[in-house]
Protein backbone atom coordinates (compact mmCIF):
# COMPACT_ATOMS: atom_id res chain seq x y z
CA MET A 1 47.63 -6.82 89.80
CA VAL A 2 49.07 -4.20 91.97
CA GLY A 3 51.12 -6.00 94.56
CA LEU A 4 51.61 -9.29 92.99
CA SER A 5 54.44 -10.06 90.82
CA MET A 6 54.90 -13.59 88.10
CA ASP A 7 57.63 -15.33 90.95
CA GLN A 8 57.60 -19.34 91.69
CA SER A 9 54.73 -19.32 93.74
CA PHE A 10 52.67 -19.21 90.66
CA VAL A 11 53.89 -22.24 89.02
CA GLN A 12 52.03 -24.99 88.32
CA ALA A 13 53.23 -28.70 87.82
CA PRO A 14 53.43 -28.85 84.13
CA GLU A 15 50.96 -31.22 83.94
CA HIS A 16 48.67 -28.83 84.86
CA ARG A 17 49.17 -26.12 83.01
CA SER A 18 46.37 -24.57 80.54
CA LYS A 19 47.67 -24.91 76.91
CA ARG A 20 47.52 -22.25 74.45
CA THR A 21 44.62 -23.41 73.67
CA ILE A 22 41.26 -24.79 75.03
CA THR A 23 38.79 -26.63 72.91
CA GLU A 24 35.52 -25.00 73.83
CA ALA A 25 33.18 -28.31 75.74
CA THR A 26 30.34 -29.03 73.14
CA GLY A 27 27.04 -30.86 74.73
CA ILE A 28 27.28 -29.18 78.26
CA PRO A 29 23.46 -29.43 79.42
CA LEU A 30 21.86 -25.89 78.84
CA ILE A 31 18.96 -26.51 80.79
CA ASP A 32 15.86 -23.84 81.45
CA ILE A 33 14.44 -24.42 84.72
CA SER A 34 11.53 -22.32 84.09
CA VAL A 35 8.37 -25.37 84.44
CA LEU A 36 9.26 -25.31 87.75
CA ALA A 37 6.98 -21.99 88.68
CA SER A 38 4.54 -23.87 86.25
CA GLY A 39 3.05 -26.13 88.65
CA ASP A 40 3.60 -29.08 86.02
CA ALA A 41 4.09 -32.41 87.89
CA ALA A 42 5.05 -33.84 84.81
CA ALA A 43 7.04 -31.51 83.34
CA VAL A 44 8.87 -30.82 87.07
CA ASP A 45 9.26 -34.28 86.06
CA ALA A 46 11.05 -34.34 83.14
CA LEU A 47 13.30 -31.12 83.86
CA ALA A 48 14.64 -33.69 87.51
CA ALA A 49 15.32 -35.61 85.23
CA GLU A 50 17.64 -33.59 82.88
CA VAL A 51 19.58 -32.53 85.78
CA GLY A 52 20.15 -36.16 87.47
CA ALA A 53 21.01 -36.26 83.43
CA ALA A 54 23.71 -33.52 83.40
CA SER A 55 24.48 -34.51 86.85
CA ARG A 56 25.56 -37.72 86.10
CA GLU A 57 27.61 -37.07 82.83
CA TRP A 58 28.73 -33.63 83.52
CA GLY A 59 29.28 -32.79 87.09
CA PHE A 60 28.40 -29.53 86.13
CA PHE A 61 25.27 -27.62 83.86
CA LEU A 62 23.93 -24.28 83.07
CA VAL A 63 20.84 -22.97 83.36
CA VAL A 64 18.16 -20.48 82.29
CA GLY A 65 14.87 -19.38 82.73
CA HIS A 66 16.08 -19.01 86.42
CA GLY A 67 14.28 -16.09 87.34
CA VAL A 68 16.51 -14.41 88.97
CA PRO A 69 16.00 -10.20 87.59
CA ALA A 70 18.90 -8.85 84.72
CA GLU A 71 19.06 -5.94 87.61
CA THR A 72 19.91 -7.52 90.62
CA VAL A 73 22.64 -9.28 88.11
CA ALA A 74 23.91 -6.22 87.46
CA ARG A 75 23.84 -4.50 90.55
CA ALA A 76 26.04 -6.86 91.79
CA THR A 77 28.95 -7.03 88.97
CA GLU A 78 28.90 -3.36 89.39
CA ALA A 79 29.84 -3.13 92.98
CA GLN A 80 32.29 -6.09 91.84
CA ARG A 81 34.71 -4.05 89.87
CA ALA A 82 33.26 -1.33 91.60
CA PHE A 83 35.33 -2.95 94.34
CA PHE A 84 38.81 -4.25 92.72
CA ALA A 85 38.97 -0.94 90.92
CA LEU A 86 40.02 1.13 94.38
CA PRO A 87 43.38 1.60 95.42
CA ALA A 88 45.55 -0.86 97.13
CA GLU A 89 45.40 0.20 100.78
CA ARG A 90 41.40 1.37 100.19
CA LYS A 91 40.95 -2.92 99.22
CA ALA A 92 43.32 -3.44 102.33
CA THR A 93 40.92 -1.74 104.69
CA VAL A 94 38.68 -4.97 104.35
CA ARG A 95 41.91 -7.91 104.43
CA ARG A 96 41.03 -11.13 106.06
CA SER A 97 43.43 -11.89 108.61
CA GLU A 98 43.53 -15.52 110.26
CA ALA A 99 40.60 -15.04 113.05
CA ALA A 100 39.41 -13.38 110.60
CA PRO A 101 38.93 -14.97 107.43
CA LEU A 102 36.03 -13.08 105.37
CA GLY A 103 37.09 -9.99 103.62
CA TYR A 104 39.99 -8.95 100.42
CA HIS A 105 42.89 -10.79 99.93
CA GLU A 106 44.53 -11.65 96.88
CA SER A 107 47.05 -14.76 98.09
CA GLU A 108 45.00 -18.14 98.18
CA HIS A 109 46.66 -21.49 97.42
CA THR A 110 44.34 -24.40 95.28
CA LYS A 111 46.64 -27.31 96.65
CA ASN A 112 49.23 -26.04 97.55
CA VAL A 113 49.83 -23.70 94.49
CA ARG A 114 49.16 -20.03 94.41
CA ASP A 115 46.60 -18.75 92.25
CA TRP A 116 46.59 -15.83 90.38
CA LYS A 117 43.49 -13.45 91.26
CA GLU A 118 42.15 -11.69 94.19
CA VAL A 119 38.39 -12.10 95.93
CA PHE A 120 36.65 -10.41 98.58
CA ASP A 121 34.41 -12.71 100.63
CA LEU A 122 31.50 -13.19 102.70
CA VAL A 123 28.80 -15.43 103.80
CA ALA A 124 25.21 -15.14 103.44
CA HIS A 125 24.42 -16.30 106.50
CA GLU A 126 26.69 -14.69 109.54
CA PRO A 127 26.39 -16.92 113.01
CA PRO A 128 25.17 -15.32 115.86
CA PRO A 129 28.18 -13.09 118.07
CA PRO A 130 29.50 -15.78 120.58
CA ALA A 131 27.36 -15.66 124.30
CA ALA A 132 29.52 -12.09 126.63
CA GLY A 133 33.21 -13.80 127.83
CA THR A 134 33.04 -17.75 125.26
CA VAL A 135 35.85 -16.09 122.90
CA THR A 136 38.57 -17.70 123.49
CA ASP A 137 42.37 -16.94 121.35
CA GLY A 138 42.18 -17.68 118.64
CA GLU A 139 38.86 -18.36 118.08
CA VAL A 140 37.58 -17.98 114.42
CA VAL A 141 34.86 -14.95 113.71
CA TYR A 142 33.23 -15.10 110.48
CA GLU A 143 31.85 -11.19 110.35
CA ASN A 144 31.24 -9.42 106.94
CA LYS A 145 33.12 -6.67 106.05
CA TRP A 146 32.47 -4.19 103.62
CA PRO A 147 34.30 -0.95 102.67
CA GLU A 148 32.69 2.18 104.23
CA ASP A 149 33.55 4.46 100.40
CA LEU A 150 31.31 2.52 98.57
CA PRO A 151 27.65 2.89 99.54
CA ASP A 152 25.71 0.61 97.95
CA PHE A 153 28.32 -1.70 97.85
CA ARG A 154 26.52 -4.26 100.74
CA GLU A 155 23.62 -3.57 98.78
CA ALA A 156 23.18 -4.62 95.76
CA LEU A 157 25.71 -7.89 97.10
CA GLU A 158 23.00 -8.70 99.91
CA GLU A 159 20.21 -8.33 97.09
CA TYR A 160 22.28 -10.76 94.61
CA MET A 161 22.89 -13.65 97.79
CA LYS A 162 19.52 -14.13 98.39
CA ALA A 163 18.33 -14.92 95.29
CA MET A 164 21.31 -17.22 94.90
CA GLU A 165 19.46 -18.48 97.84
CA GLU A 166 16.32 -18.93 97.08
CA LEU A 167 17.74 -20.43 93.52
CA ALA A 168 19.90 -23.01 95.59
CA PHE A 169 16.90 -23.69 97.44
CA LYS A 170 15.04 -24.83 93.30
CA LEU A 171 18.06 -26.46 92.48
CA LEU A 172 18.53 -28.80 95.93
CA GLU A 173 14.34 -30.17 94.82
CA LEU A 174 15.55 -31.29 91.27
CA LEU A 175 18.78 -32.75 92.05
CA ALA A 176 16.46 -34.55 94.78
CA ARG A 177 13.32 -35.53 92.53
CA SER A 178 16.45 -37.05 90.62
CA LEU A 179 17.13 -38.82 93.39
CA ASN A 180 13.48 -39.88 93.51
CA LEU A 181 13.72 -38.83 96.87
CA ARG A 182 11.10 -36.09 98.64
CA PRO A 183 11.22 -33.00 97.28
CA ASP A 184 12.31 -31.57 100.04
CA ARG A 185 15.00 -34.33 101.48
CA LEU A 186 17.81 -31.95 101.45
CA HIS A 187 16.53 -29.17 102.79
CA GLY A 188 17.28 -30.01 106.60
CA PHE A 189 21.07 -29.98 105.74
CA PHE A 190 20.83 -25.59 105.33
CA LYS A 191 19.35 -25.07 108.92
CA HIS A 192 21.97 -22.81 109.10
CA PRO A 193 24.29 -23.22 106.79
CA THR A 194 27.15 -21.92 106.07
CA THR A 195 27.82 -20.75 102.26
CA PHE A 196 29.92 -18.08 101.28
CA PHE A 197 29.70 -15.56 98.61
CA ARG A 198 33.18 -15.07 96.23
CA LEU A 199 33.79 -11.79 93.81
CA ASN A 200 36.66 -13.12 91.73
CA HIS A 201 39.33 -10.80 89.47
CA TYR A 202 41.77 -12.45 87.28
CA PRO A 203 43.96 -9.58 86.04
CA PRO A 204 45.92 -9.95 83.06
CA CYS A 205 49.00 -12.94 83.43
CA PRO A 206 51.73 -11.99 82.55
CA SER A 207 53.31 -15.80 82.51
CA PRO A 208 49.30 -17.97 81.09
CA ASP A 209 50.95 -20.58 80.35
CA LEU A 210 52.90 -21.46 84.04
CA ALA A 211 49.61 -20.09 86.53
CA LEU A 212 46.06 -20.56 86.78
CA GLY A 213 43.53 -18.34 88.09
CA VAL A 214 42.55 -21.39 89.89
CA GLY A 215 44.30 -25.00 89.90
CA PRO A 216 42.52 -27.23 89.09
CA HIS A 217 39.89 -28.34 91.95
CA ARG A 218 36.45 -29.96 92.45
CA ASP A 219 34.13 -28.04 95.34
CA PRO A 220 33.22 -29.60 98.64
CA GLY A 221 30.14 -27.85 99.57
CA ALA A 222 25.69 -29.10 97.72
CA LEU A 223 26.26 -26.33 95.42
CA THR A 224 27.94 -24.16 93.18
CA ILE A 225 26.30 -21.11 91.78
CA LEU A 226 28.52 -18.98 88.81
CA TYR A 227 28.36 -16.20 87.08
CA GLN A 228 30.57 -15.12 85.04
CA ASP A 229 31.70 -12.67 82.71
CA GLY A 230 32.12 -12.88 78.61
CA VAL A 231 35.69 -13.28 78.51
CA GLY A 232 35.47 -17.02 79.87
CA GLY A 233 38.42 -18.84 81.10
CA LEU A 234 36.85 -21.70 82.92
CA ASP A 235 37.58 -25.03 81.90
CA VAL A 236 35.68 -28.51 82.86
CA ARG A 237 37.82 -32.02 82.84
CA ARG A 238 35.58 -33.98 80.05
CA ARG A 239 35.10 -37.24 81.88
CA SER A 240 34.74 -38.79 78.41
CA ASP A 241 38.64 -38.29 77.47
CA SER A 242 39.98 -36.74 80.82
CA GLU A 243 40.56 -34.07 78.47
CA TRP A 244 40.25 -29.47 79.05
CA VAL A 245 37.24 -28.14 77.90
CA ARG A 246 36.84 -24.62 77.52
CA VAL A 247 33.30 -23.72 79.20
CA GLY A 248 31.42 -20.79 76.83
CA CYS A 249 30.06 -18.27 78.16
CA VAL A 250 26.56 -17.91 77.60
CA PRO A 251 24.07 -14.86 78.42
CA ASP A 252 21.57 -14.97 81.23
CA SER A 253 22.54 -18.37 82.43
CA PHE A 254 25.01 -19.47 85.58
CA ILE A 255 26.33 -21.99 85.39
CA VAL A 256 26.37 -25.24 88.56
CA ASN A 257 28.27 -26.92 90.18
CA VAL A 258 27.75 -30.50 91.46
CA GLY A 259 29.75 -30.30 94.80
CA ASP A 260 31.18 -33.34 96.92
CA THR A 261 28.65 -33.17 99.37
CA VAL A 262 25.99 -34.41 96.71
CA GLN A 263 28.53 -36.91 95.43
CA VAL A 264 28.40 -39.02 98.87
CA TRP A 265 25.21 -38.43 99.71
CA SER A 266 24.26 -40.08 95.85
CA ASN A 267 26.66 -42.56 96.47
CA ASP A 268 28.97 -41.52 93.84
CA ARG A 269 25.23 -41.22 91.48
CA TYR A 270 26.95 -38.12 90.19
CA GLU A 271 30.03 -36.57 90.58
CA SER A 272 31.59 -33.64 91.37
CA ALA A 273 33.41 -32.25 88.54
CA GLU A 274 37.35 -31.34 88.73
CA HIS A 275 37.57 -27.63 87.06
CA ARG A 276 40.23 -24.61 87.18
CA VAL A 277 40.02 -21.60 85.35
CA SER A 278 43.07 -20.13 83.41
CA VAL A 279 44.71 -16.69 83.10
CA ASN A 280 45.82 -14.27 79.83
CA PRO A 281 48.15 -11.66 79.22
CA ALA A 282 45.30 -9.33 77.73
CA THR A 283 42.15 -9.19 79.40
CA ALA A 284 41.28 -9.63 83.40
CA ARG A 285 37.98 -11.32 84.22
CA PHE A 286 35.28 -11.62 86.77
CA SER A 287 33.26 -14.24 88.03
CA MET A 288 30.96 -14.73 91.12
CA PRO A 289 30.71 -18.01 92.63
CA TYR A 290 27.88 -19.02 95.49
CA PHE A 291 29.18 -22.01 97.82
CA PHE A 292 25.58 -23.53 98.76
CA ASN A 293 27.30 -25.57 101.61
CA PRO A 294 25.41 -27.44 104.81
CA ALA A 295 24.83 -25.94 108.98
CA ALA A 296 28.25 -26.19 110.42
CA ASP A 297 26.79 -29.58 112.59
CA ALA A 298 25.65 -31.86 109.46
CA VAL A 299 26.94 -34.99 109.71
CA VAL A 300 28.00 -35.77 105.94
CA GLU A 301 27.25 -39.65 104.67
CA PRO A 302 25.68 -41.63 101.99
CA LEU A 303 21.22 -40.94 101.98
CA GLU A 304 20.19 -43.55 103.62
CA GLU A 305 17.77 -44.40 100.90
CA LEU A 306 20.64 -44.67 98.35
CA VAL A 307 22.59 -48.37 100.45
CA GLY A 308 22.10 -50.94 100.60
CA GLY A 309 24.03 -52.73 103.69
CA GLU A 310 27.36 -53.69 103.74
CA GLU A 311 26.71 -57.23 102.35
CA ASP A 312 24.01 -55.68 99.59
CA ASP A 313 25.46 -54.76 96.10
CA ASP A 314 25.29 -51.05 96.92
CA PRO A 315 27.03 -50.73 100.29
CA PRO A 316 27.86 -46.98 101.60
CA ARG A 317 30.95 -45.95 99.87
CA TYR A 318 32.07 -43.38 102.14
CA SER A 319 32.52 -42.43 106.08
CA ALA A 320 30.50 -40.63 107.62
CA TYR A 321 32.38 -36.94 108.98
CA SER A 322 31.06 -33.29 110.31
CA TRP A 323 30.61 -30.99 107.31
CA GLY A 324 31.69 -28.01 109.42
CA GLU A 325 35.24 -30.01 110.58
CA PHE A 326 35.65 -30.91 106.95
CA PHE A 327 35.11 -27.75 105.35
CA ASN A 328 37.38 -24.98 108.11
CA THR A 329 39.84 -27.69 107.44
CA LYS A 330 39.32 -27.37 104.05
CA LEU A 331 39.46 -23.48 104.11
CA ASN A 332 42.94 -23.70 106.22
CA GLY A 333 44.74 -24.68 103.37
CA ASN A 334 43.08 -22.01 101.18
CA TYR A 335 45.88 -18.97 102.77
CA ARG A 336 49.25 -20.89 102.55
CA LYS A 337 50.89 -23.48 101.65
CA LEU A 338 50.95 -26.66 103.47
CA ASP A 339 53.73 -29.91 104.12
CA VAL A 340 50.59 -32.18 103.14
CA GLU A 341 48.08 -32.56 100.79
CA ASN A 342 44.80 -30.91 101.42
CA LEU A 343 41.77 -33.40 102.57
CA GLN A 344 39.10 -34.36 99.89
CA ILE A 345 36.55 -36.22 100.09
CA GLU A 346 38.60 -39.60 99.11
CA HIS A 347 39.87 -39.26 102.78
CA PHE A 348 36.39 -41.40 104.01
CA ARG A 349 36.24 -43.15 100.82
CA LYS A 350 34.90 -46.65 102.56
CA GLY A 351 37.65 -49.76 100.99
CA LEU A 352 35.71 -51.47 98.14
CA GLU A 353 36.72 -53.75 95.93
CA ALA A 354 37.26 -52.22 92.52
């Protein structure tokens, strides 16, 4: 990667390093959601049960029959490759900054270790600009940056983000149904979503035994919808034995991760999946994750329909927290090495007896 050389900042702790050979996962749920368009209530209920089982047992699943046009995906992937093929000085014209954190960067950290990748970040919905005269020093501005020399870039990615949002709401409905909630129970948390979208480029790495494209982590939002190319590299920690296994590439599919927010809403009925990205010395990998996040003013806590009182068998396992504050704290730890542990949802877990 231009501008990157292997140094100590990329080196993972020994327990996190990728093995030379990773077993491909078997049994990962592959769910065809095309039945949603049929209007068949029994079929939709059965589909929701599939989603619920996958969320309990794996924390993620693959979807096909999703209705996202292949042309939409192709245009987005072409735009992605065109951007990362630009010279470093041209990518730098849309570089992120502390005050404007969207755009290009190549120094992200996951749990205080630098990732071997470069990325381009966008928000699906730009927040309204602050009123005249209300901007204060140090205020963060979430405004998308668009490279001027790629005329089709913006159109392709806006089209893709719109398709992802439509898919995300379909999946949100299935999650609600799977928890025996009304289909639109979770929609209200997304009236002004803080959803963001990322283009990832993982170049060949000279020391894939020491570095990772993304270190082990769980996604903090509600859902992540990932498109990956055919190179492979996404690993998930299998719950049955805690081993890392490789998620295979299924044509015309998306990988859906259940995030920490759903884990809290479900009061641990569903668990977010721990995952990472391995790199290799020969081939670049590209992926596009769409992070479906609640509104900044959303309060995240176990849903009242899914908990009893503090004295019951199923009390709330998490204290309420502000999504906006939590998310901003997580983001601040992505761009520099911190002296403290990154904020996790476990910090909000109530002290229940095992």
